[in-house]
N, C-alpha and C. Protein backbone atom coordinates (compact mmCIF):
# COMPACT_ATOMS: atom_id res chain seq x y z
N UNK A 1 118.68 59.44 54.94
CA UNK A 1 117.73 60.42 55.20
C UNK A 1 118.31 61.60 56.18
N UNK A 2 118.18 62.13 56.24
CA UNK A 2 118.80 63.33 57.16
C UNK A 2 118.28 63.36 58.29
N UNK A 3 118.80 63.79 59.35
CA UNK A 3 118.38 63.93 60.49
C UNK A 3 117.59 65.32 60.91
N UNK A 4 116.40 65.51 61.21
CA UNK A 4 115.83 66.33 61.69
C UNK A 4 116.22 66.93 63.10
N UNK A 5 116.71 68.03 63.17
CA UNK A 5 116.98 68.67 64.77
C UNK A 5 115.64 68.57 65.47
N UNK A 6 115.66 67.78 66.73
CA UNK A 6 114.69 67.75 67.74
C UNK A 6 114.07 69.42 68.38
N UNK A 7 112.64 69.33 67.74
CA UNK A 7 111.74 70.38 68.37
C UNK A 7 111.34 70.40 69.35
N UNK A 8 110.73 71.58 70.01
CA UNK A 8 110.35 71.63 71.21
C UNK A 8 108.95 72.42 70.79
N UNK A 9 107.52 71.73 71.62
CA UNK A 9 106.36 73.14 71.54
C UNK A 9 106.41 74.14 72.70
N UNK A 10 105.79 74.83 72.30
CA UNK A 10 105.59 75.87 73.43
C UNK A 10 105.22 75.19 74.89
N UNK A 11 104.13 74.39 74.66
CA UNK A 11 103.77 73.49 75.96
C UNK A 11 104.81 72.45 76.43
N UNK A 12 105.85 71.88 75.73
CA UNK A 12 107.12 70.84 76.21
C UNK A 12 108.19 72.20 77.41
N UNK A 13 108.14 73.30 76.28
CA UNK A 13 108.93 74.30 77.53
C UNK A 13 108.66 74.65 78.78
N UNK A 14 107.25 75.15 77.84
CA UNK A 14 106.44 75.42 79.71
C UNK A 14 106.58 74.41 80.36
N UNK A 15 106.05 73.38 80.66
CA UNK A 15 106.47 72.33 80.89
C UNK A 15 107.88 72.30 82.03
N UNK A 16 108.86 71.80 81.40
CA UNK A 16 110.17 71.57 81.45
C UNK A 16 110.66 72.69 82.33
N UNK A 17 110.83 74.03 81.85
CA UNK A 17 110.95 75.12 82.77
C UNK A 17 110.17 75.56 83.81
N UNK A 18 109.02 75.05 83.83
CA UNK A 18 107.83 75.99 84.76
C UNK A 18 107.85 77.66 84.26
N UNK A 19 107.40 77.64 82.82
CA UNK A 19 107.19 79.12 82.43
C UNK A 19 105.70 79.37 82.27
N UNK A 20 105.41 80.53 81.89
CA UNK A 20 104.17 80.60 81.08
C UNK A 20 104.37 80.64 79.52
N UNK A 21 103.11 80.48 78.96
CA UNK A 21 103.49 80.78 77.43
C UNK A 21 103.76 82.05 76.97
N UNK A 22 103.35 82.69 77.71
CA UNK A 22 102.98 84.07 77.73
C UNK A 22 104.61 84.73 78.43
N UNK A 23 105.47 84.14 78.88
CA UNK A 23 106.94 84.31 79.05
C UNK A 23 107.34 83.87 78.36
N UNK A 24 107.21 83.21 77.56
CA UNK A 24 108.31 82.34 76.01
C UNK A 24 108.18 83.33 75.18
N UNK A 25 106.66 83.82 75.36
CA UNK A 25 106.17 84.74 73.82
C UNK A 25 107.09 85.99 73.91
N UNK A 26 106.97 86.33 75.18
CA UNK A 26 107.87 87.92 75.52
C UNK A 26 109.71 87.72 75.35
N UNK A 27 109.94 86.53 76.18
CA UNK A 27 111.04 86.65 75.88
C UNK A 27 111.45 86.41 73.92
N UNK A 28 110.97 85.81 73.12
CA UNK A 28 110.98 85.77 71.69
C UNK A 28 110.57 87.52 71.45
N UNK A 29 109.61 88.15 72.05
CA UNK A 29 109.66 89.33 71.66
C UNK A 29 110.95 90.07 71.75
N UNK A 30 111.66 89.83 72.71
CA UNK A 30 112.76 90.43 72.97
C UNK A 30 113.86 89.78 72.24
N UNK A 31 113.82 89.07 71.47
CA UNK A 31 114.94 88.49 70.61
C UNK A 31 115.76 87.48 71.22
N UNK A 32 115.21 86.81 72.25
CA UNK A 32 116.24 85.57 73.53
C UNK A 32 115.87 84.48 73.03
N UNK A 33 114.76 84.26 72.17
CA UNK A 33 114.20 83.12 71.47
C UNK A 33 114.05 83.04 70.31
N UNK A 34 114.18 82.73 69.06
CA UNK A 34 113.68 82.69 68.05
C UNK A 34 113.45 81.19 67.00
N UNK A 35 112.14 80.89 67.91
CA UNK A 35 111.38 79.92 67.26
C UNK A 35 111.22 79.86 66.08
N UNK A 36 110.88 78.61 65.14
CA UNK A 36 110.55 78.54 63.91
C UNK A 36 109.18 78.61 63.86
N UNK A 37 108.61 79.07 62.66
CA UNK A 37 107.28 79.26 62.52
C UNK A 37 106.52 78.32 61.98
N UNK A 38 105.51 77.72 62.33
CA UNK A 38 104.71 77.04 60.80
C UNK A 38 103.29 77.10 61.63
N UNK A 39 102.81 78.09 60.65
CA UNK A 39 101.39 78.27 60.67
C UNK A 39 101.52 79.21 61.96
N UNK A 40 100.58 79.10 62.85
CA UNK A 40 100.63 79.74 64.28
C UNK A 40 101.19 79.17 65.34
N UNK A 41 101.55 77.49 64.69
CA UNK A 41 102.65 77.05 65.69
C UNK A 41 104.15 77.71 65.77
N UNK A 42 104.64 77.47 67.20
CA UNK A 42 105.89 77.99 67.41
C UNK A 42 106.57 76.28 67.59
N UNK A 43 107.65 76.63 66.92
CA UNK A 43 108.62 75.04 67.45
C UNK A 43 110.46 75.88 67.58
N UNK A 44 110.65 75.45 68.90
CA UNK A 44 111.65 75.73 69.49
C UNK A 44 112.82 74.60 69.40
N UNK A 45 113.52 75.12 69.01
CA UNK A 45 115.05 74.13 68.47
C UNK A 45 115.75 73.98 69.74
N UNK A 46 116.90 73.29 70.00
CA UNK A 46 117.62 73.08 71.06
C UNK A 46 118.75 74.41 71.33
N UNK A 47 118.82 74.82 70.36
CA UNK A 47 119.01 76.30 70.82
C UNK A 47 118.14 77.12 71.35
N UNK A 48 117.20 77.41 71.19
CA UNK A 48 116.04 78.01 72.06
C UNK A 48 116.43 77.72 73.62
N UNK A 49 116.11 76.39 73.32
CA UNK A 49 116.01 75.84 74.71
C UNK A 49 117.75 75.82 75.74
N UNK A 50 118.33 75.97 75.12
CA UNK A 50 119.22 76.16 75.91
C UNK A 50 119.38 77.77 76.08
N UNK A 51 119.35 78.70 75.26
CA UNK A 51 119.16 79.94 75.56
C UNK A 51 118.55 80.09 76.91
N UNK A 52 116.87 79.66 76.69
CA UNK A 52 115.83 79.42 77.96
C UNK A 52 116.37 79.25 79.08
N UNK A 53 117.16 78.26 79.03
CA UNK A 53 117.87 77.53 80.46
C UNK A 53 118.93 78.85 80.93
N UNK A 54 119.67 79.37 80.20
CA UNK A 54 120.38 80.39 80.15
C UNK A 54 119.72 81.98 80.96
N UNK A 55 118.67 82.03 80.28
CA UNK A 55 117.77 83.24 80.75
C UNK A 55 117.43 83.25 82.10
N UNK A 56 116.60 82.09 82.40
CA UNK A 56 116.31 81.59 83.66
C UNK A 56 117.11 82.00 84.74
N UNK A 57 118.56 81.22 84.48
CA UNK A 57 119.48 81.34 85.51
C UNK A 57 119.92 82.50 85.48
N UNK A 58 120.14 83.04 84.47
CA UNK A 58 120.26 84.86 84.65
C UNK A 58 119.57 85.63 85.45
N UNK A 59 118.11 85.35 85.17
CA UNK A 59 116.69 85.77 85.74
C UNK A 59 116.70 85.40 87.60
N UNK A 60 116.98 84.37 87.86
CA UNK A 60 117.47 83.70 89.28
C UNK A 60 118.52 84.41 89.81
N UNK A 61 119.49 84.66 89.46
CA UNK A 61 120.69 85.34 90.03
C UNK A 61 120.65 86.93 89.52
N UNK A 62 119.37 87.64 89.29
CA UNK A 62 119.05 88.88 89.45
C UNK A 62 119.53 89.79 88.22
N UNK A 63 119.98 89.06 87.20
CA UNK A 63 120.42 90.00 86.04
C UNK A 63 119.41 90.34 85.15
N UNK A 64 119.24 91.67 84.51
CA UNK A 64 118.56 91.86 83.78
C UNK A 64 118.36 91.38 82.35
N UNK A 65 117.56 91.28 82.02
CA UNK A 65 117.37 90.66 80.57
C UNK A 65 118.14 91.42 79.31
N UNK A 66 118.15 92.85 79.90
CA UNK A 66 119.42 93.38 79.10
C UNK A 66 120.65 92.37 78.81
N UNK A 67 121.29 92.57 80.10
CA UNK A 67 122.18 92.24 80.21
C UNK A 67 122.51 90.42 79.76
N UNK A 68 121.43 90.02 80.33
CA UNK A 68 121.41 88.27 80.01
C UNK A 68 121.17 88.34 78.32
N UNK A 69 120.59 89.05 77.47
CA UNK A 69 120.68 89.38 75.95
C UNK A 69 122.08 89.35 75.59
N UNK A 70 123.25 90.25 76.26
CA UNK A 70 124.19 90.96 75.65
C UNK A 70 124.89 89.75 76.02
N UNK A 71 124.98 89.16 77.30
CA UNK A 71 125.79 87.98 76.92
C UNK A 71 125.93 86.81 76.35
N UNK A 72 124.71 86.56 76.06
CA UNK A 72 124.26 85.45 75.65
C UNK A 72 124.46 85.65 73.75
N UNK A 73 124.16 86.78 73.57
CA UNK A 73 124.24 87.03 72.04
C UNK A 73 125.98 86.97 71.73
N UNK A 74 126.87 87.36 72.85
CA UNK A 74 127.95 87.11 72.38
C UNK A 74 128.73 85.83 72.07
N UNK A 75 128.00 84.72 72.39
CA UNK A 75 128.37 83.69 71.62
C UNK A 75 128.19 83.89 70.42
N UNK A 76 127.49 84.27 69.40
CA UNK A 76 127.04 84.61 68.37
C UNK A 76 128.19 85.45 67.73
N UNK A 77 128.83 86.19 68.45
CA UNK A 77 129.88 87.03 67.75
C UNK A 77 131.13 86.75 67.61
N UNK A 78 131.30 85.40 68.51
CA UNK A 78 132.62 85.23 69.18
C UNK A 78 132.85 84.05 69.80
N UNK A 79 132.58 82.93 68.60
CA UNK A 79 132.17 81.49 69.07
C UNK A 79 133.17 80.99 70.07
N UNK A 80 134.71 81.20 70.24
CA UNK A 80 135.40 81.41 71.12
C UNK A 80 135.16 81.35 72.47
N UNK A 81 133.82 82.05 72.65
CA UNK A 81 133.46 82.06 73.93
C UNK A 81 134.48 83.04 75.06
N UNK A 82 135.19 83.82 74.50
CA UNK A 82 136.08 84.85 75.01
C UNK A 82 135.61 85.83 75.95
N UNK A 83 135.13 86.58 74.60
CA UNK A 83 134.28 88.38 75.25
C UNK A 83 133.11 87.64 76.07
N UNK A 84 132.63 86.51 75.55
CA UNK A 84 131.22 86.02 75.97
C UNK A 84 131.35 85.95 77.78
N UNK A 85 132.81 85.23 78.11
CA UNK A 85 133.34 84.75 79.33
C UNK A 85 133.50 86.04 79.95
N UNK A 86 134.33 86.77 79.52
CA UNK A 86 134.49 88.33 80.20
C UNK A 86 133.65 89.37 80.25
N UNK A 87 132.50 89.13 79.65
CA UNK A 87 131.32 90.02 80.03
C UNK A 87 130.65 89.44 81.04
N UNK A 88 130.47 88.07 80.94
CA UNK A 88 129.71 87.24 82.00
C UNK A 88 130.47 87.71 83.35
N UNK A 89 132.06 87.66 83.14
CA UNK A 89 132.60 87.99 84.82
C UNK A 89 132.87 89.40 84.89
N UNK A 90 132.13 90.10 84.17
CA UNK A 90 132.07 91.61 84.47
C UNK A 90 130.82 91.77 85.05
N UNK A 91 129.63 91.18 84.66
CA UNK A 91 128.37 91.39 84.85
C UNK A 91 128.25 90.31 86.67
N UNK A 92 129.09 89.55 86.47
CA UNK A 92 128.96 88.71 87.58
C UNK A 92 129.61 89.51 89.15
N UNK A 93 130.47 90.18 88.66
CA UNK A 93 131.29 91.09 89.79
C UNK A 93 130.25 92.11 89.78
N UNK A 94 129.60 92.72 89.12
CA UNK A 94 128.91 94.12 89.59
C UNK A 94 127.64 93.65 90.21
N UNK A 95 127.14 92.40 89.89
CA UNK A 95 126.38 91.91 90.64
C UNK A 95 126.42 91.64 91.90
N UNK A 96 127.69 90.67 92.31
CA UNK A 96 128.10 90.46 93.46
C UNK A 96 128.48 91.58 94.41
N UNK A 97 128.44 92.82 94.06
CA UNK A 97 128.70 94.04 94.48
C UNK A 97 127.38 94.14 94.97
N UNK A 98 126.85 94.59 94.31
CA UNK A 98 125.25 94.74 94.45
C UNK A 98 124.73 94.30 95.62
N UNK A 99 124.60 92.55 95.51
CA UNK A 99 124.08 92.13 97.07
C UNK A 99 125.07 92.05 97.79
N UNK A 100 126.49 92.44 97.61
CA UNK A 100 126.74 92.39 99.22
C UNK A 100 126.47 93.84 99.66
N UNK A 101 126.49 95.09 98.84
CA UNK A 101 125.79 96.22 99.48
C UNK A 101 124.29 96.11 100.07
N UNK A 102 123.52 94.77 98.96
CA UNK A 102 122.16 95.15 99.99
C UNK A 102 122.33 94.20 101.27
N UNK A 103 122.94 93.76 101.49
CA UNK A 103 123.34 92.25 102.38
C UNK A 103 123.64 93.19 103.82
N UNK A 104 124.80 94.28 103.46
CA UNK A 104 125.03 94.96 104.37
C UNK A 104 123.80 96.05 105.40
N UNK A 105 123.30 96.68 103.98
CA UNK A 105 121.90 97.38 104.57
C UNK A 105 120.55 96.26 105.62
N UNK A 106 120.61 95.22 105.02
CA UNK A 106 119.79 94.32 106.03
C UNK A 106 120.57 93.83 107.02
N UNK A 107 121.68 93.71 107.35
CA UNK A 107 122.53 93.60 108.75
C UNK A 107 121.89 94.41 109.17
N UNK A 108 122.33 95.79 108.71
CA UNK A 108 121.90 96.62 109.48
C UNK A 108 120.91 97.18 109.85
N UNK A 109 119.85 97.15 109.33
CA UNK A 109 118.35 97.07 109.23
C UNK A 109 117.54 96.01 110.28
N UNK A 110 118.57 94.75 110.47
CA UNK A 110 118.46 93.79 111.15
C UNK A 110 118.53 93.96 113.00
N UNK A 111 120.06 94.37 112.55
CA UNK A 111 120.38 94.83 113.77
C UNK A 111 119.88 95.88 114.88
N UNK A 112 119.34 97.24 114.35
CA UNK A 112 118.30 98.12 114.52
C UNK A 112 117.55 97.82 115.03
N UNK A 113 116.37 96.71 114.03
CA UNK A 113 115.49 96.32 114.83
C UNK A 113 115.56 95.39 115.59
N UNK A 114 116.60 94.57 116.05
CA UNK A 114 116.55 93.59 116.98
C UNK A 114 116.79 94.48 118.63
N UNK A 115 117.75 95.87 118.49
CA UNK A 115 117.83 96.49 119.57
C UNK A 115 116.66 97.55 119.69
N UNK A 116 115.73 97.57 118.67
CA UNK A 116 114.46 98.36 119.09
C UNK A 116 113.55 97.69 119.57
N UNK A 117 113.75 96.27 119.51
CA UNK A 117 112.75 95.09 120.30
C UNK A 117 113.00 95.12 121.42
N UNK A 118 114.45 94.91 121.88
CA UNK A 118 115.04 94.78 123.23
C UNK A 118 114.88 96.21 123.94
N UNK A 119 114.70 97.46 123.23
CA UNK A 119 114.50 98.34 123.86
C UNK A 119 112.96 98.13 124.57
N UNK A 120 112.17 97.98 123.37
CA UNK A 120 110.71 97.79 123.46
C UNK A 120 109.99 96.67 124.78
N UNK A 121 110.86 95.93 125.04
CA UNK A 121 110.68 94.54 126.08
C UNK A 121 111.08 94.97 127.45
N UNK A 122 112.04 95.91 127.24
CA UNK A 122 112.77 96.73 128.76
C UNK A 122 111.67 97.24 129.16
N UNK A 123 111.41 98.26 128.29
CA UNK A 123 109.96 99.19 128.83
C UNK A 123 108.51 98.84 129.04
N UNK A 124 108.08 97.88 128.25
CA UNK A 124 107.18 96.92 129.17
C UNK A 124 107.61 96.55 129.65
N UNK A 125 108.52 95.86 130.10
CA UNK A 125 109.01 95.25 131.30
C UNK A 125 108.62 96.19 133.02
N UNK A 126 108.99 97.44 132.32
CA UNK A 126 109.38 98.30 133.84
C UNK A 126 107.90 98.88 133.54
N UNK A 127 106.90 98.87 132.41
CA UNK A 127 105.31 99.19 132.79
C UNK A 127 104.58 98.06 133.35
N UNK A 128 104.99 97.11 133.21
CA UNK A 128 104.27 95.87 133.53
C UNK A 128 104.56 96.03 135.06
N UNK A 129 105.94 96.33 135.39
CA UNK A 129 106.19 96.15 137.12
C UNK A 129 105.94 97.07 137.82
N UNK A 130 105.64 98.06 136.91
CA UNK A 130 104.96 99.55 137.67
C UNK A 130 103.52 99.41 138.33
N UNK A 131 103.01 98.47 137.14
CA UNK A 131 101.46 98.46 137.73
C UNK A 131 100.98 97.29 138.27
N UNK A 132 102.03 96.91 138.88
CA UNK A 132 101.65 95.58 139.53
C UNK A 132 101.65 96.01 140.81
N UNK A 133 100.27 95.66 141.27
CA UNK A 133 100.59 96.03 143.17
C UNK A 133 101.16 95.31 144.06
N UNK A 134 101.25 94.27 143.35
CA UNK A 134 101.98 93.17 144.47
C UNK A 134 103.67 93.32 144.60
N UNK A 135 104.30 94.04 143.50
CA UNK A 135 105.45 94.47 143.29
C UNK A 135 106.37 94.86 144.62
N UNK A 136 107.17 94.66 144.85
CA UNK A 136 107.83 94.77 145.98
C UNK A 136 109.13 95.63 145.53
N UNK A 137 109.46 96.91 146.07
CA UNK A 137 110.69 97.45 145.58
C UNK A 137 112.20 96.79 145.96
N UNK A 138 112.45 96.78 145.22
CA UNK A 138 114.10 96.28 144.88
C UNK A 138 114.92 96.48 146.34
N UNK A 139 115.45 95.33 146.90
CA UNK A 139 116.02 95.82 148.08
C UNK A 139 117.86 96.00 147.78
N UNK A 140 118.47 97.09 147.97
CA UNK A 140 119.48 96.83 147.68
C UNK A 140 120.82 96.06 148.37
N UNK A 141 121.52 95.19 147.96
CA UNK A 141 122.45 94.34 148.77
C UNK A 141 123.60 95.45 149.14
N UNK A 142 123.67 95.02 150.29
CA UNK A 142 124.88 96.11 151.09
C UNK A 142 125.94 95.41 151.99
């Protein structure tokens, strides 16, 4: 008896990876997944399951679907994985630079907001002190 490869239904993959059927169909449209068709049913093989895991990891890291597809498809071109690994490093370095640039922008915005908050608190304290009839003028130490 020949072992049949394990297959997964759209609902099994949906549950396992917490994605919608629409997402799976979209990835299929893009060629990222290639389920077997039996009538109206889609049967996903282990290869699709692995590719889905890679697509979702790539998305979580902020890669575009085009970059993910390129990296995944390179495995089929070069089973030694050398080209795939080189391209993954290249895309990864580019993403790290982008995230570091964004982090610098966020750090600058946070610093500006904190400085502005401190200034506003000082101005508010001055307004409250000026409007307090019981406030005494500060006596300079001599």
